[in-house]
């Protein structure tokens, strides 16, 4: 499932090593428009709803944090 996430990230913003980058938002690799696109893609790909309160830098600064959020949301269903 992590590779699916990496593929989505690469489609939205190519050229970043998502396996190692831990500051996607802090270092401005992902801007607000990219985050909105990412949220929509993740919701569709994983059949989840990401609540607005979860759309914070802590959840989107690296692929591992995003994956943890996705896993948490899938478990809550």
N, C-alpha and C. Protein backbone atom coordinates (compact mmCIF):
# COMPACT_ATOMS: atom_id res chain seq x y z
N UNK A 1 0.82 -1.21 0.00
CA UNK A 1 0.00 0.00 0.00
C UNK A 1 0.86 1.27 0.00
N UNK A 2 2.03 1.20 0.58
CA UNK A 2 2.92 2.37 0.61
C UNK A 2 3.34 2.75 -0.81
N UNK A 3 3.60 1.75 -1.66
CA UNK A 3 4.03 2.05 -3.03
C UNK A 3 2.92 2.76 -3.80
N UNK A 4 1.67 2.42 -3.50
CA UNK A 4 0.53 3.10 -4.11
C UNK A 4 0.55 4.59 -3.73
N UNK A 5 0.83 4.87 -2.48
CA UNK A 5 0.93 6.25 -1.99
C UNK A 5 2.08 6.97 -2.70
N UNK A 6 3.23 6.35 -2.79
CA UNK A 6 4.39 6.96 -3.44
C UNK A 6 4.06 7.28 -4.90
N UNK A 7 3.37 6.37 -5.57
CA UNK A 7 3.00 6.59 -6.98
C UNK A 7 2.08 7.81 -7.10
N UNK A 8 1.12 7.94 -6.22
CA UNK A 8 0.21 9.10 -6.22
C UNK A 8 1.01 10.38 -6.01
N UNK A 9 1.91 10.37 -5.03
CA UNK A 9 2.73 11.55 -4.76
C UNK A 9 3.58 11.93 -5.96
N UNK A 10 4.16 10.94 -6.63
CA UNK A 10 5.01 11.21 -7.78
C UNK A 10 4.21 11.77 -8.95
N UNK A 11 2.94 11.36 -9.07
CA UNK A 11 2.08 11.91 -10.13
C UNK A 11 1.75 13.37 -9.86
N UNK A 12 1.55 13.72 -8.60
CA UNK A 12 1.19 15.09 -8.24
C UNK A 12 2.40 16.01 -8.28
N UNK A 13 3.53 15.54 -7.73
CA UNK A 13 4.76 16.36 -7.68
C UNK A 13 5.96 15.45 -7.93
N UNK A 14 6.34 15.29 -9.21
CA UNK A 14 7.48 14.41 -9.51
C UNK A 14 8.82 15.01 -9.09
N UNK A 15 9.82 14.15 -9.05
CA UNK A 15 11.18 14.62 -8.80
C UNK A 15 11.60 14.72 -7.35
N UNK A 16 10.82 14.14 -6.45
CA UNK A 16 11.14 14.19 -5.02
C UNK A 16 11.32 12.75 -4.53
N UNK A 17 12.31 12.52 -3.68
CA UNK A 17 12.49 11.20 -3.09
C UNK A 17 11.55 11.07 -1.89
N UNK A 18 10.37 10.56 -2.16
CA UNK A 18 9.35 10.45 -1.11
C UNK A 18 9.69 9.40 -0.06
N UNK A 19 10.62 8.52 -0.37
CA UNK A 19 11.03 7.51 0.61
C UNK A 19 11.84 8.12 1.74
N UNK A 20 12.55 9.22 1.48
CA UNK A 20 13.43 9.79 2.49
C UNK A 20 13.06 11.21 2.92
N UNK A 21 12.34 11.95 2.10
CA UNK A 21 12.01 13.35 2.43
C UNK A 21 11.03 13.41 3.60
N UNK A 22 11.39 14.18 4.62
CA UNK A 22 10.55 14.28 5.82
C UNK A 22 9.99 15.68 6.04
N UNK A 23 10.16 16.56 5.07
CA UNK A 23 9.71 17.94 5.23
C UNK A 23 9.03 18.45 3.97
N UNK A 24 8.09 17.68 3.45
CA UNK A 24 7.44 18.04 2.19
C UNK A 24 6.73 19.38 2.25
N UNK A 25 6.10 19.67 3.36
CA UNK A 25 5.39 20.94 3.51
C UNK A 25 6.33 22.01 4.04
N UNK A 26 7.07 21.70 5.09
CA UNK A 26 7.98 22.68 5.69
C UNK A 26 8.99 23.23 4.68
N UNK A 27 9.46 22.36 3.76
CA UNK A 27 10.44 22.78 2.76
C UNK A 27 9.78 23.20 1.44
N UNK A 28 8.47 23.32 1.44
CA UNK A 28 7.69 23.82 0.30
C UNK A 28 7.76 22.94 -0.95
N UNK A 29 7.94 21.64 -0.77
CA UNK A 29 7.85 20.72 -1.91
C UNK A 29 6.40 20.57 -2.34
N UNK A 30 5.49 20.60 -1.37
CA UNK A 30 4.06 20.52 -1.66
C UNK A 30 3.41 21.82 -1.23
N UNK A 31 2.73 22.48 -2.17
CA UNK A 31 2.00 23.71 -1.82
C UNK A 31 0.54 23.37 -1.54
N UNK A 32 -0.25 24.37 -1.25
CA UNK A 32 -1.64 24.13 -0.86
C UNK A 32 -2.45 23.48 -1.98
N UNK A 33 -2.20 23.86 -3.22
CA UNK A 33 -2.93 23.24 -4.34
C UNK A 33 -2.55 21.77 -4.49
N UNK A 34 -1.28 21.46 -4.30
CA UNK A 34 -0.83 20.07 -4.37
C UNK A 34 -1.46 19.26 -3.24
N UNK A 35 -1.58 19.85 -2.08
CA UNK A 35 -2.20 19.15 -0.94
C UNK A 35 -3.67 18.85 -1.23
N UNK A 36 -4.38 19.83 -1.78
CA UNK A 36 -5.79 19.61 -2.13
C UNK A 36 -5.92 18.48 -3.15
N UNK A 37 -5.07 18.49 -4.17
CA UNK A 37 -5.09 17.43 -5.17
C UNK A 37 -4.75 16.09 -4.53
N UNK A 38 -3.77 16.10 -3.64
CA UNK A 38 -3.36 14.88 -2.96
C UNK A 38 -4.48 14.31 -2.10
N UNK A 39 -5.15 15.16 -1.35
CA UNK A 39 -6.26 14.70 -0.51
C UNK A 39 -7.33 14.03 -1.38
N UNK A 40 -7.68 14.67 -2.48
CA UNK A 40 -8.70 14.10 -3.38
C UNK A 40 -8.24 12.75 -3.93
N UNK A 41 -6.99 12.66 -4.35
CA UNK A 41 -6.46 11.40 -4.89
C UNK A 41 -6.43 10.31 -3.83
N UNK A 42 -6.00 10.65 -2.62
CA UNK A 42 -5.95 9.65 -1.54
C UNK A 42 -7.34 9.16 -1.18
N UNK A 43 -8.28 10.08 -1.11
CA UNK A 43 -9.66 9.68 -0.78
C UNK A 43 -10.20 8.70 -1.82
N UNK A 44 -9.92 8.99 -3.08
CA UNK A 44 -10.41 8.11 -4.14
C UNK A 44 -9.67 6.77 -4.16
N UNK A 45 -8.36 6.83 -4.06
CA UNK A 45 -7.55 5.61 -4.16
C UNK A 45 -7.77 4.64 -3.00
N UNK A 46 -7.97 5.19 -1.81
CA UNK A 46 -8.09 4.34 -0.61
C UNK A 46 -9.53 4.24 -0.10
N UNK A 47 -10.46 4.90 -0.80
CA UNK A 47 -11.87 4.89 -0.41
C UNK A 47 -12.04 5.34 1.05
N UNK A 48 -11.46 6.50 1.34
CA UNK A 48 -11.54 7.08 2.68
C UNK A 48 -12.01 8.52 2.57
N UNK A 49 -12.37 9.09 3.69
CA UNK A 49 -12.66 10.52 3.78
C UNK A 49 -11.65 11.10 4.77
N UNK A 50 -10.91 12.10 4.32
CA UNK A 50 -9.93 12.75 5.19
C UNK A 50 -10.58 14.00 5.77
N UNK A 51 -10.92 13.98 7.06
CA UNK A 51 -11.56 15.14 7.68
C UNK A 51 -10.64 16.37 7.62
N UNK A 52 -11.24 17.54 7.53
CA UNK A 52 -10.48 18.79 7.46
C UNK A 52 -9.52 18.94 8.63
N UNK A 53 -9.91 18.47 9.81
CA UNK A 53 -9.03 18.60 10.98
C UNK A 53 -7.75 17.78 10.85
N UNK A 54 -7.75 16.80 9.92
CA UNK A 54 -6.56 15.96 9.72
C UNK A 54 -5.62 16.55 8.65
N UNK A 55 -6.08 17.59 7.95
CA UNK A 55 -5.25 18.18 6.89
C UNK A 55 -4.36 19.25 7.51
N UNK A 56 -3.33 18.76 8.18
CA UNK A 56 -2.36 19.61 8.87
C UNK A 56 -0.95 19.15 8.47
N UNK A 57 0.03 20.03 8.57
CA UNK A 57 1.39 19.66 8.17
C UNK A 57 1.92 18.38 8.82
N UNK A 58 1.60 18.16 10.08
CA UNK A 58 2.09 16.95 10.75
C UNK A 58 1.68 15.67 10.03
N UNK A 59 0.53 15.68 9.37
CA UNK A 59 0.06 14.49 8.68
C UNK A 59 0.56 14.39 7.24
N UNK A 60 1.14 15.47 6.71
CA UNK A 60 1.51 15.48 5.29
C UNK A 60 2.97 15.85 5.03
N UNK A 61 3.81 15.92 6.05
CA UNK A 61 5.20 16.31 5.87
C UNK A 61 6.05 15.20 5.25
N UNK A 62 5.62 13.96 5.37
CA UNK A 62 6.36 12.86 4.74
C UNK A 62 5.40 11.72 4.41
N UNK A 63 5.84 10.86 3.51
CA UNK A 63 5.00 9.75 3.07
C UNK A 63 4.62 8.84 4.24
N UNK A 64 5.55 8.65 5.18
CA UNK A 64 5.27 7.78 6.31
C UNK A 64 4.12 8.33 7.17
N UNK A 65 4.09 9.65 7.36
CA UNK A 65 3.00 10.25 8.13
C UNK A 65 1.68 10.14 7.38
N UNK A 66 1.72 10.31 6.07
CA UNK A 66 0.50 10.16 5.27
C UNK A 66 0.00 8.73 5.35
N UNK A 67 0.92 7.79 5.26
CA UNK A 67 0.55 6.38 5.33
C UNK A 67 -0.07 6.04 6.68
N UNK A 68 0.48 6.60 7.74
CA UNK A 68 -0.08 6.38 9.08
C UNK A 68 -1.49 6.95 9.16
N UNK A 69 -1.72 8.11 8.57
CA UNK A 69 -3.06 8.71 8.56
C UNK A 69 -4.03 7.82 7.78
N UNK A 70 -3.60 7.38 6.61
CA UNK A 70 -4.46 6.50 5.79
C UNK A 70 -4.81 5.24 6.57
N UNK A 71 -3.82 4.63 7.19
CA UNK A 71 -4.05 3.40 7.97
C UNK A 71 -5.04 3.66 9.10
N UNK A 72 -4.86 4.77 9.79
CA UNK A 72 -5.76 5.12 10.90
C UNK A 72 -7.20 5.29 10.39
N UNK A 73 -7.36 5.98 9.27
CA UNK A 73 -8.70 6.22 8.73
C UNK A 73 -9.33 4.93 8.23
N UNK A 74 -8.53 4.04 7.66
CA UNK A 74 -9.06 2.75 7.21
C UNK A 74 -9.51 1.90 8.39
N UNK A 75 -8.78 1.98 9.50
CA UNK A 75 -9.12 1.20 10.69
C UNK A 75 -10.39 1.72 11.36
N UNK A 76 -10.64 3.03 11.20
CA UNK A 76 -11.81 3.62 11.84
C UNK A 76 -13.11 3.31 11.12
N UNK A 77 -13.02 2.86 9.88
CA UNK A 77 -14.24 2.59 9.10
C UNK A 77 -14.98 1.40 9.62
